[in-house]
Amino acid sequence: MVAAFLLPLAIASLSLSQVGAFSVNHAAMRRACSSSISRLPAAVDVDEELVGVEVVNTAGMPSLSVEFDDIAVVDVKEEQVTEDSYRRGLATIGSITLLFASNSPALRSVFDLSTVSPPVLLINSGVTLVGLLGVLLTAPMMNEIVVDIPKKTNLDIGSNFASRIVGISTYAGFELGLWKTIGTTLNIYGLSETSSDHGAFLIQLTTLIVPTIQGIQGVPIPPRIWGAIGLALGGVFIFSQDPSQVDCASVQGDVLCALAAVFYATYDLRLFKWGKIVNTSELITAKMVTQSALSLGLLVALSGEETRAYIAGATSDDVLLAASVVMWSGLAVNCVAPYLQVSGQQAVGPSRAQILYASQPLWSSVLSFVF
């Protein structure tokens, strides 16, 4: 059990070293660029707006203007904004990591503490509906809090019939909602059959999946991130061998949580893409509408009788507990966290974000112990 705490802590420490490395490299690049500019001839004037070089002709001939496409001409204010954005992104990802970490203990408590366990699909649909209402009601406030990045309209995003018919925002939200619905449903089913600690660790297989897929796509992944991934997987393996978890964990529950990690990883990668293109409010609203519709459809189609039996047999304490967990998971984990996640991941990148997310099992264990 000690290893289960130490390994995520080591991962979190390693992630902080990534921050330091970024700051050092960033500062070095700025010094190098400044040095390059200082070595330009005196007759050369750097135009900050055109990002070019204007050669002044003292003989009265027309001036020669040369555009620089690849040279790093650094504006101090822009560099400061970039560094500040990165630090805000790290703080944002760190904050939502705590919110995500609270999800497994909260959901597991419904199945551990209730005299009559609620249907998984009922909890799932309740969470998504509360999340949707939260997004609709808090959108104006969240838009003031969340600094939306400038969107890149010149990206090659492809074209298909669906996106042309419903619009890119709706299409993107539907795709994200589909991945998140599948992942959340598998996760809740898994947590109903395994411990919250097991679930939290296995969900963090995203720490391996996201950088691996990015590496296959040609994105360079620094060695330190691969080292952190190794520590994360080591923690998963050691924790899965913990004999104290045998009584409250099952192979089926663990497999469902691992499958959920695959869909969560897909969601994170696609969120990084769509977050560059679509306005955050539009993207999250469309995603939550999709999640709510799919979750309600699953509830009606597959769990109607089970839901009626729960309503008939549940005590007032059972209902109060379920409602409290649904409110927390819906508002904190499915409303606030996704809003913040869009800007946070754009600032630090999905692979670095996964290293910070890898500390979730640590915080889940702490929350399970405290509460």
Foldseek 3Di string as FASTA:
>chain_A
DVLLQVLLVVLQVLLVVVLVVVVVVLVVVVVVLVVVVVPDDPQWDQDPVQRWTWRDDPVPDDIDTGHDDPRDNDDVVVSVVLNVLLVVLVVLLLVLLLLVLQQLLLLLCLLVPFPDRADLLVLQLLLLVLLLVLLVVCVVVLPVVDDADAADPPDCPDDDDVCVVPNVLLVLLLVLLVLLLLLSSLLSVLSSQFPSLLLLLLLLCLLVVQVVVVVVVPNDDDPSSVVSNVSSVVSNVVVVPDPVRVVRHDPSSNVSSNVSSVSVSVSLVSLLVVSNHDTLSSNLNSNSVNNNVVSVVCCVVPPPVVNVVCVVPTDPVSVVSSNVSSNSCNNSVSHNSSSSSSSSCNSNPSNSSSSSSSSSSNSSVVVSVVD
